[in-house]
Amino acid sequence: MNLIESYRSFLDKGKTERECVKEIIKLAEKEGYRNIESTDKLHAGDKVYYVQYGKSIALFNIGKDDIENGMNILGAHIDSPRLDVKMNPVYENENVVYLDTHYYGGIKKYQWVTLPLAIHGTIAKKDGTSIEICIGEDDERTFCISDILPHMAQEQMKKNASEFIQGEDLDLVIGLNQDEKGEKDAGKKKILDILLEEFGIDEKDFQSAELEVVPQGYSKYLGFDRSMILAYGQDDRVCAFTSLAAMLANKEAERTSCCLLVDKEEIGSNGATGMDSVFFENASAELLSRLSGYDGLKLRRMMRNSYMLSSDVNAAFDPLNPGLYDKKNASVLGGGVVFNKYTGSRGKAGASDANAEFIAKLRNTMDSHSVKYQMSEMGKVDTGGGGTIAKYAAYYGMQVIDCGVAVLSMHSPWEITAVSDVEDAAACYKAFLSMK
């Protein structure tokens, strides 16, 4: 299977963080990686991974060079904007049964109505067992959020786009009360009976569940020429997959290489599985303890001497909305992998700003490996901007820059990338891992 087909397969199998981590482990173990907890001693040439709660993962390929001299790190995130199911979600309103949701990350709420949607996730039972859920993908069922017909939407259409669909109205239609006796909540009871019979889910089990509502369907080639990919979750799984592909292709490392794939970036990298935690520091400490014994100063030197590409996507220039971009500093579909010196917004607020010397070193590496790349910002000053995990890596003093794939329709249910850019990103990440 070639890179693009493998990428599409990864997108189709990994619509949640947990699904991504499972697929990453499967692919990594085929290439000789093993759980770091299975060994007490590591040497050059060993390949291990460290998992945090099934939603973030760090892979390490131990190099010949002293670990204190740093690592080459590819860091991406595997969470994407979506709808999360609430803890007490099933309710009936005038014979229609709904599933209550809370949106996750930056979305345009109106884009999620009337789409076929699927439910993926995990339900943890009180007895310690868990149930994996995937409903609405390969069976005949689907779910959707209803909308008002245009004939009756005069007042709705007068509102701003951010207002005419409220967050509390993003509830899934999941059933209907057709009870001839008109019994109240008979539709809700019917749905709960189906959930119990087919999946072993009790109503109370929603209280300890992580269920994500995502667009139904699989990735497709876009265009008559198949030059693009249309898929859910390409921000940031396009960079996560190409980082992983480069890591798995890196057989013998001079400098220790790391592929860091984390959760929660879309909501500020918070929580135990986000980059704004000690997850990566703990993983690195576990690595160091198995190489030469844990030493706090050595850990700090290792971090400070590391290089990192914050492998995250950038906004592609939209020819239908050119006024939003500084065209000469915009990334384009098919223009190659994108380097973004700084992110943030307005006066670079919340940014990580890469050093000129590090960029020059990267330019030399990319040119020597014939990698196609472009330098970009995300939109005009005072118009665009955004954050990535770069600033959390920069906290340790390491050299870091954003580097990823240009995406059109970013944060929409279906995002667009160029096939050639995916290939260029993989080539870039491979070249970076060899950089000394």
Protein backbone atom coordinates (compact mmCIF):
# COMPACT_ATOMS: atom_id res chain seq x y z
CA MET A 1 0.00 0.00 0.00
CA ASN A 2 1.47 3.38 -1.01
CA LEU A 3 1.69 6.41 1.27
CA ILE A 4 -1.59 8.02 0.20
CA GLU A 5 -3.64 4.84 0.42
CA SER A 6 -2.11 4.15 3.83
CA TYR A 7 -3.00 7.69 4.89
CA ARG A 8 -6.60 7.30 3.78
CA SER A 9 -6.82 4.00 5.64
CA PHE A 10 -5.48 5.70 8.78
CA LEU A 11 -8.11 8.45 8.53
CA ASP A 12 -10.89 5.92 8.04
CA LYS A 13 -9.81 3.78 11.00
CA GLY A 14 -8.98 6.67 13.33
CA LYS A 15 -11.85 9.09 13.82
CA THR A 16 -11.13 9.49 17.54
CA GLU A 17 -7.92 9.81 19.55
CA ARG A 18 -8.34 6.33 21.02
CA GLU A 19 -8.86 4.80 17.59
CA CYS A 20 -5.77 6.63 16.31
CA VAL A 21 -3.59 5.39 19.17
CA LYS A 22 -4.73 1.80 18.61
CA GLU A 23 -3.87 2.02 14.92
CA ILE A 24 -0.53 3.71 15.68
CA ILE A 25 0.44 0.93 18.07
CA LYS A 26 -0.56 -1.70 15.50
CA LEU A 27 1.57 -0.08 12.80
CA ALA A 28 4.50 0.57 15.16
CA GLU A 29 4.64 -2.97 16.51
CA LYS A 30 4.88 -4.28 12.94
CA GLU A 31 8.10 -2.25 12.68
CA GLY A 32 9.58 -3.62 15.90
CA TYR A 33 8.39 -1.05 18.44
CA ARG A 34 7.41 -2.32 21.90
CA ASN A 35 5.82 -0.84 24.99
CA ILE A 36 8.47 0.85 27.12
CA GLU A 37 6.95 -0.78 30.20
CA SER A 38 8.04 -4.19 28.89
CA THR A 39 11.75 -3.45 29.34
CA ASP A 40 14.07 -2.15 32.07
CA LYS A 41 17.07 -1.39 29.85
CA LEU A 42 17.41 0.34 26.51
CA HIS A 43 20.28 0.59 24.02
CA ALA A 44 20.99 2.26 20.68
CA GLY A 45 18.74 0.75 18.02
CA ASP A 46 15.87 -0.04 20.39
CA LYS A 47 12.39 1.21 19.49
CA VAL A 48 9.75 1.82 22.14
CA TYR A 49 6.49 3.67 22.73
CA TYR A 50 4.86 5.26 25.78
CA VAL A 51 1.06 5.62 26.02
CA GLN A 52 -0.97 8.01 28.16
CA TYR A 53 -4.51 6.78 28.93
CA GLY A 54 -4.95 5.43 25.42
CA LYS A 55 -5.24 8.95 23.94
CA SER A 56 -1.65 10.19 23.53
CA ILE A 57 1.50 8.34 22.52
CA ALA A 58 5.23 9.01 22.19
CA LEU A 59 7.45 6.77 20.05
CA PHE A 60 11.24 6.70 20.44
CA ASN A 61 13.95 5.31 18.16
CA ILE A 62 17.14 5.23 20.24
CA GLY A 63 20.07 6.72 18.34
CA LYS A 64 23.80 6.14 18.54
CA ASP A 65 24.48 9.66 19.82
CA ASP A 66 24.40 10.48 23.53
CA ILE A 67 20.78 11.23 24.50
CA GLU A 68 22.02 14.31 26.38
CA ASN A 69 22.74 15.87 22.97
CA GLY A 70 19.01 15.95 22.32
CA MET A 71 16.42 14.38 20.06
CA ASN A 72 14.78 15.15 16.74
CA ILE A 73 11.08 15.35 17.59
CA LEU A 74 8.03 15.31 15.35
CA GLY A 75 5.02 16.51 17.35
CA ALA A 76 1.42 16.49 16.12
CA HIS A 77 -2.05 16.19 17.60
CA ILE A 78 -4.64 13.51 16.94
CA ASP A 79 -7.79 15.18 18.26
CA SER A 80 -10.14 17.01 15.88
CA PRO A 81 -13.21 19.24 16.19
CA ARG A 82 -16.38 17.24 16.79
CA LEU A 83 -19.46 16.89 18.99
CA ASP A 84 -19.19 15.09 22.34
CA VAL A 85 -22.15 13.24 23.88
CA LYS A 86 -23.18 14.65 27.25
CA MET A 87 -23.36 12.55 30.43
CA ASN A 88 -27.19 12.48 30.62
CA PRO A 89 -27.92 12.67 26.91
CA VAL A 90 -31.03 10.69 25.94
CA TYR A 91 -34.29 12.64 26.02
CA GLU A 92 -37.62 12.82 24.21
CA ASN A 93 -39.29 16.01 23.01
CA GLU A 94 -42.72 15.88 21.33
CA ASN A 95 -42.25 12.29 20.11
CA VAL A 96 -38.73 12.83 18.74
CA VAL A 97 -35.86 11.20 20.66
CA TYR A 98 -32.58 13.12 20.83
CA LEU A 99 -29.00 12.68 21.99
CA ASP A 100 -27.69 15.78 23.78
CA THR A 101 -24.21 16.99 22.75
CA HIS A 102 -21.54 19.57 23.55
CA TYR A 103 -19.28 20.72 20.71
CA TYR A 104 -15.50 20.27 21.03
CA GLY A 105 -13.01 22.69 19.49
CA GLY A 106 -13.57 25.52 17.05
CA ILE A 107 -16.45 24.74 14.69
CA LYS A 108 -18.97 26.60 12.58
CA LYS A 109 -22.06 25.13 14.19
CA TYR A 110 -24.25 25.52 11.09
CA GLN A 111 -21.96 23.17 9.14
CA TRP A 112 -23.01 20.22 11.31
CA VAL A 113 -26.76 20.26 10.67
CA THR A 114 -28.46 17.79 8.27
CA LEU A 115 -25.24 15.82 7.78
CA PRO A 116 -25.19 12.04 8.24
CA LEU A 117 -23.29 11.48 11.49
CA ALA A 118 -21.80 8.51 13.30
CA ILE A 119 -21.03 7.81 16.97
CA HIS A 120 -17.59 6.50 17.96
CA GLY A 121 -16.12 5.99 21.40
CA THR A 122 -15.74 4.06 24.61
CA ILE A 123 -18.08 3.32 27.49
CA ALA A 124 -16.49 2.30 30.79
CA LYS A 125 -18.67 0.00 32.90
CA LYS A 126 -18.72 -0.07 36.68
CA ASP A 127 -17.29 -3.61 36.72
CA GLY A 128 -14.08 -2.38 35.06
CA THR A 129 -14.91 -3.58 31.55
CA SER A 130 -15.33 -1.26 28.59
CA ILE A 131 -17.39 -1.29 25.41
CA GLU A 132 -16.08 0.08 22.12
CA ILE A 133 -18.76 1.84 20.11
CA CYS A 134 -18.96 2.55 16.39
CA ILE A 135 -22.53 3.14 15.23
CA GLY A 136 -23.51 4.65 11.91
CA GLU A 137 -20.52 3.84 9.72
CA ASP A 138 -20.90 0.40 8.18
CA ASP A 139 -24.51 -0.38 9.09
CA GLU A 140 -27.65 1.09 7.57
CA ARG A 141 -28.26 3.48 10.45
CA THR A 142 -27.16 7.07 10.68
CA PHE A 143 -27.92 10.13 12.82
CA CYS A 144 -28.32 13.82 12.07
CA ILE A 145 -29.14 17.25 13.49
CA SER A 146 -32.31 18.69 12.00
CA ASP A 147 -32.77 22.22 10.64
CA ILE A 148 -35.62 24.57 9.73
CA LEU A 149 -36.97 24.49 6.19
CA PRO A 150 -36.22 27.69 4.23
CA HIS A 151 -39.95 28.49 3.85
CA MET A 152 -40.16 29.07 7.63
CA ALA A 153 -36.68 30.35 8.35
CA GLN A 154 -37.15 34.08 7.75
CA GLU A 155 -36.23 35.04 11.32
CA GLN A 156 -33.40 32.52 11.51
CA MET A 157 -31.85 33.85 8.30
CA LYS A 158 -31.68 37.37 9.75
CA LYS A 159 -29.28 36.24 12.47
CA ASN A 160 -25.50 36.10 12.27
CA ALA A 161 -24.07 32.77 11.19
CA SER A 162 -22.64 32.27 14.69
CA GLU A 163 -26.09 32.71 16.22
CA PHE A 164 -28.71 30.98 14.10
CA ILE A 165 -27.65 27.53 15.32
CA GLN A 166 -27.13 27.52 19.07
CA GLY A 167 -24.76 25.08 20.79
CA GLU A 168 -27.63 23.60 22.78
CA ASP A 169 -29.48 22.88 19.54
CA LEU A 170 -26.78 20.56 18.18
CA ASP A 171 -28.66 17.46 19.34
CA LEU A 172 -28.86 14.28 17.28
CA VAL A 173 -32.13 12.80 16.13
CA ILE A 174 -31.89 9.15 17.22
CA GLY A 175 -35.44 7.83 17.34
CA LEU A 176 -39.19 8.38 17.27
CA ASN A 177 -42.08 7.71 19.64
CA GLN A 178 -44.65 5.77 17.64
CA ASP A 179 -46.50 4.35 20.61
CA GLU A 180 -50.18 4.03 19.71
CA LYS A 181 -51.23 4.59 23.31
CA GLY A 182 -49.38 7.91 23.39
CA GLU A 183 -47.30 6.85 26.37
CA LYS A 184 -44.90 9.59 27.44
CA ASP A 185 -41.21 8.83 26.80
CA ALA A 186 -42.07 5.55 25.07
CA GLY A 187 -39.66 6.52 22.29
CA LYS A 188 -36.84 7.13 24.76
CA LYS A 189 -37.54 3.77 26.43
CA LYS A 190 -37.47 2.05 23.02
CA ILE A 191 -34.05 3.54 22.21
CA LEU A 192 -32.65 2.61 25.62
CA ASP A 193 -33.94 -0.94 25.13
CA ILE A 194 -32.12 -1.13 21.77
CA LEU A 195 -28.90 0.16 23.32
CA LEU A 196 -29.11 -2.42 26.10
CA GLU A 197 -29.96 -5.31 23.79
CA GLU A 198 -27.47 -4.56 21.01
CA PHE A 199 -24.57 -2.99 22.90
CA GLY A 200 -25.05 -3.78 26.59
CA ILE A 201 -25.37 -0.07 27.44
CA ASP A 202 -27.50 1.07 30.36
CA GLU A 203 -28.67 4.71 30.58
CA LYS A 204 -26.39 5.30 33.57
CA ASP A 205 -23.38 4.09 31.55
CA PHE A 206 -23.38 7.37 29.61
CA GLN A 207 -22.03 8.95 32.80
CA SER A 208 -18.69 7.15 32.30
CA ALA A 209 -18.46 7.33 28.53
CA GLU A 210 -16.36 9.12 25.93
CA LEU A 211 -18.57 9.20 22.85
CA GLU A 212 -17.73 11.40 19.88
CA VAL A 213 -20.11 12.37 17.08
CA VAL A 214 -18.27 12.65 13.77
CA PRO A 215 -19.20 12.88 10.09
CA GLN A 216 -20.28 9.55 8.66
CA GLY A 217 -18.29 8.17 5.77
CA TYR A 218 -14.77 7.63 4.59
CA SER A 219 -12.05 9.63 2.86
CA LYS A 220 -12.28 10.24 -0.88
CA TYR A 221 -10.09 11.54 -3.66
CA LEU A 222 -11.30 15.00 -4.64
CA GLY A 223 -11.38 16.26 -8.21
CA PHE A 224 -11.50 14.59 -11.62
CA ASP A 225 -7.71 14.37 -11.45
CA ARG A 226 -7.70 12.85 -7.92
CA SER A 227 -5.24 15.54 -6.91
CA MET A 228 -6.78 16.20 -3.51
CA ILE A 229 -8.19 14.34 -0.51
CA LEU A 230 -11.53 15.10 1.10
CA ALA A 231 -11.86 13.71 4.62
CA TYR A 232 -12.83 14.41 8.20
CA GLY A 233 -10.09 15.08 10.75
CA GLN A 234 -7.20 16.01 8.49
CA ASP A 235 -6.40 18.72 11.05
CA ASP A 236 -4.18 17.34 12.40
CA ARG A 237 -4.15 13.68 11.46
CA VAL A 238 -2.50 14.50 8.13
CA CYS A 239 0.58 15.63 10.07
CA ALA A 240 0.23 12.87 12.66
CA PHE A 241 0.22 10.17 9.99
CA THR A 242 3.07 11.59 7.91
CA SER A 243 5.12 12.07 11.09
CA LEU A 244 4.45 8.45 12.03
CA ALA A 245 5.29 7.26 8.50
CA ALA A 246 8.63 9.09 8.64
CA MET A 247 9.35 7.68 12.08
CA LEU A 248 8.63 4.09 11.07
CA ALA A 249 10.77 4.49 7.94
CA ASN A 250 13.72 5.71 10.02
CA LYS A 251 15.55 2.43 10.57
CA GLU A 252 18.86 3.54 12.12
CA ALA A 253 19.07 6.86 13.93
CA GLU A 254 22.15 8.89 14.72
CA ARG A 255 20.29 11.25 17.03
CA THR A 256 17.44 9.70 18.98
CA SER A 257 14.19 10.40 17.16
CA CYS A 258 10.75 10.86 18.66
CA CYS A 259 7.23 10.98 17.26
CA LEU A 260 4.91 12.67 19.75
CA LEU A 261 1.17 12.42 19.05
CA VAL A 262 -1.03 14.14 21.61
CA ASP A 263 -4.62 14.90 22.52
CA LYS A 264 -6.57 18.06 23.44
CA GLU A 265 -4.82 20.55 21.12
CA GLU A 266 -8.14 21.80 19.79
CA ILE A 267 -9.17 23.01 23.26
CA GLY A 268 -5.84 24.46 24.39
CA SER A 269 -3.75 21.30 25.03
CA ASN A 270 -5.16 21.03 28.55
CA GLY A 271 -5.58 17.90 30.65
CA ALA A 272 -3.49 14.84 31.36
CA THR A 273 -3.32 13.81 27.69
CA GLY A 274 -2.54 17.28 26.30
CA MET A 275 0.82 18.87 25.59
CA ASP A 276 0.32 21.37 28.41
CA SER A 277 1.02 18.60 30.92
CA VAL A 278 4.04 16.58 32.04
CA PHE A 279 3.13 13.70 29.70
CA PHE A 280 6.10 14.24 27.38
CA GLU A 281 8.43 15.05 30.24
CA ASN A 282 7.39 11.84 32.01
CA ALA A 283 7.87 9.80 28.83
CA SER A 284 11.34 11.29 28.35
CA ALA A 285 12.21 10.61 31.98
CA GLU A 286 11.17 6.96 31.60
CA LEU A 287 13.35 6.76 28.50
CA LEU A 288 16.34 8.31 30.24
CA SER A 289 16.01 6.04 33.27
CA ARG A 290 16.31 2.98 31.02
CA LEU A 291 19.28 4.35 29.09
CA SER A 292 21.68 5.70 31.69
CA GLY A 293 19.64 6.17 34.84
CA TYR A 294 17.40 9.13 35.63
CA ASP A 295 19.20 12.41 36.16
CA GLY A 296 17.25 15.68 36.37
CA LEU A 297 20.02 17.81 34.90
CA LYS A 298 20.59 15.37 32.06
CA LEU A 299 16.85 15.42 31.31
CA ARG A 300 16.90 19.21 31.09
CA ARG A 301 19.94 19.17 28.82
CA MET A 302 18.31 16.55 26.61
CA MET A 303 15.21 18.71 26.25
CA ARG A 304 17.15 21.91 25.67
CA ASN A 305 19.34 20.34 22.98
CA SER A 306 16.40 18.86 21.05
CA TYR A 307 14.96 20.00 17.74
CA MET A 308 11.22 19.83 17.10
CA LEU A 309 8.84 20.28 14.22
CA SER A 310 5.41 21.12 15.60
CA SER A 311 3.73 19.21 12.82
CA ASP A 312 0.46 21.06 12.46
CA VAL A 313 -1.59 22.21 9.49
CA ASN A 314 -1.80 25.70 8.05
CA ALA A 315 -4.66 27.51 6.33
CA ALA A 316 -4.45 27.15 2.55
CA PHE A 317 -5.07 30.23 0.41
CA ASP A 318 -8.73 30.30 -0.63
CA PRO A 319 -9.13 31.87 -4.11
CA LEU A 320 -12.81 32.56 -3.38
CA ASN A 321 -11.91 34.61 -0.29
CA PRO A 322 -8.60 36.29 -1.19
CA GLY A 323 -9.15 39.31 1.03
CA LEU A 324 -8.48 37.24 4.16
CA TYR A 325 -4.88 36.53 3.20
CA ASP A 326 -1.59 38.28 2.62
CA LYS A 327 -1.12 36.40 -0.62
CA LYS A 328 2.66 36.69 -0.75
CA ASN A 329 2.86 35.08 2.71
CA ALA A 330 0.08 32.52 2.27
CA SER A 331 0.41 28.76 1.77
CA VAL A 332 -1.24 27.20 -1.26
CA LEU A 333 -2.55 23.74 -2.01
CA GLY A 334 0.13 21.86 -3.92
CA GLY A 335 2.86 24.28 -2.84
CA GLY A 336 4.71 21.79 -0.64
CA VAL A 337 5.04 21.38 3.10
CA VAL A 338 4.49 24.63 5.04
CA PHE A 339 6.89 26.21 7.53
CA ASN A 340 5.24 28.78 9.79
CA LYS A 341 7.82 30.82 11.72
CA TYR A 342 5.27 31.96 14.29
CA THR A 343 1.65 31.30 15.08
CA GLY A 344 -0.48 33.25 17.57
CA SER A 345 -2.86 36.06 16.71
CA ARG A 346 -2.80 39.84 16.30
CA GLY A 347 0.57 40.89 17.84
CA LYS A 348 1.76 37.24 17.86
CA ALA A 349 -0.16 36.60 21.09
CA GLY A 350 0.21 33.00 22.19
CA ALA A 351 2.91 32.38 19.59
CA SER A 352 6.06 30.34 19.46
CA ASP A 353 8.50 32.31 17.28
CA ALA A 354 11.29 30.21 15.76
CA ASN A 355 14.90 31.38 15.80
CA ALA A 356 16.47 32.44 12.50
CA GLU A 357 19.44 30.09 12.94
CA PHE A 358 17.13 27.09 13.33
CA ILE A 359 15.19 28.04 10.21
CA ALA A 360 18.44 28.37 8.24
CA LYS A 361 19.46 24.89 9.39
CA LEU A 362 16.10 23.51 8.27
CA ARG A 363 16.34 25.26 4.91
CA ASN A 364 19.69 23.64 4.33
CA THR A 365 18.32 20.21 5.26
CA MET A 366 15.25 20.56 3.05
CA ASP A 367 17.25 21.80 0.05
CA SER A 368 19.85 19.05 0.41
CA HIS A 369 17.04 16.45 0.37
CA SER A 370 15.15 18.19 -2.49
CA VAL A 371 12.04 18.70 -0.34
CA LYS A 372 9.43 21.11 -1.71
CA TYR A 373 8.42 23.63 0.94
CA GLN A 374 6.84 27.06 1.41
CA MET A 375 6.97 29.71 4.16
CA SER A 376 3.66 31.07 5.36
CA GLU A 377 1.49 32.83 7.90
CA MET A 378 -2.13 32.00 8.72
CA GLY A 379 -4.09 34.85 7.15
CA LYS A 380 -3.66 38.60 7.34
CA VAL A 381 -2.44 40.35 10.47
CA ASP A 382 -5.50 40.97 12.70
CA THR A 383 -7.47 38.46 10.62
CA GLY A 384 -5.84 35.06 11.06
CA GLY A 385 -3.79 33.33 13.68
CA GLY A 386 -3.96 30.27 15.88
CA GLY A 387 -2.04 28.18 18.34
CA THR A 388 -0.29 24.82 18.19
CA ILE A 389 1.72 22.65 20.58
CA ALA A 390 4.95 24.48 19.66
CA LYS A 391 4.96 26.83 22.64
CA TYR A 392 4.76 23.93 25.09
CA ALA A 393 7.87 22.39 23.57
CA ALA A 394 9.64 25.77 23.49
CA TYR A 395 9.09 25.95 27.25
CA TYR A 396 11.94 23.45 27.62
CA GLY A 397 14.28 25.65 25.59
CA MET A 398 14.34 23.41 22.53
CA GLN A 399 14.37 24.77 18.98
CA VAL A 400 10.89 24.42 17.47
CA ILE A 401 8.94 25.60 14.45
CA ASP A 402 5.49 24.83 13.03
CA CYS A 403 5.65 22.68 9.93
CA GLY A 404 2.71 20.96 8.27
CA VAL A 405 0.25 20.62 5.42
CA ALA A 406 -1.94 23.36 3.94
CA VAL A 407 -5.64 22.66 4.46
CA LEU A 408 -8.66 24.20 2.76
CA SER A 409 -11.97 24.28 4.69
CA MET A 410 -10.08 23.73 7.95
CA HIS A 411 -12.24 22.76 10.96
CA SER A 412 -15.17 21.89 8.73
CA PRO A 413 -16.68 18.39 8.80
CA TRP A 414 -14.90 17.65 5.50
CA GLU A 415 -11.44 19.17 4.94
CA ILE A 416 -9.32 19.37 1.78
CA THR A 417 -5.61 18.64 1.31
CA ALA A 418 -3.45 18.14 -1.79
CA VAL A 419 -2.04 14.67 -2.41
CA SER A 420 1.35 16.13 -3.34
CA ASP A 421 1.50 18.10 -0.06
CA VAL A 422 0.94 14.93 1.96
CA GLU A 423 3.83 13.32 0.11
CA ASP A 424 6.01 16.41 0.61
CA ALA A 425 5.25 16.44 4.35
CA ALA A 426 6.38 12.83 4.70
CA ALA A 427 9.59 13.62 2.78
CA CYS A 428 10.19 16.68 4.97
CA TYR A 429 9.77 14.73 8.19
CA LYS A 430 12.11 11.98 6.99
CA ALA A 431 14.78 14.56 6.15
CA PHE A 432 14.31 16.26 9.52
CA LEU A 433 14.84 13.03 11.46
CA SER A 434 18.25 12.67 9.80
CA MET A 435 19.30 16.24 10.69
CA LYS A 436 22.29 16.56 13.06
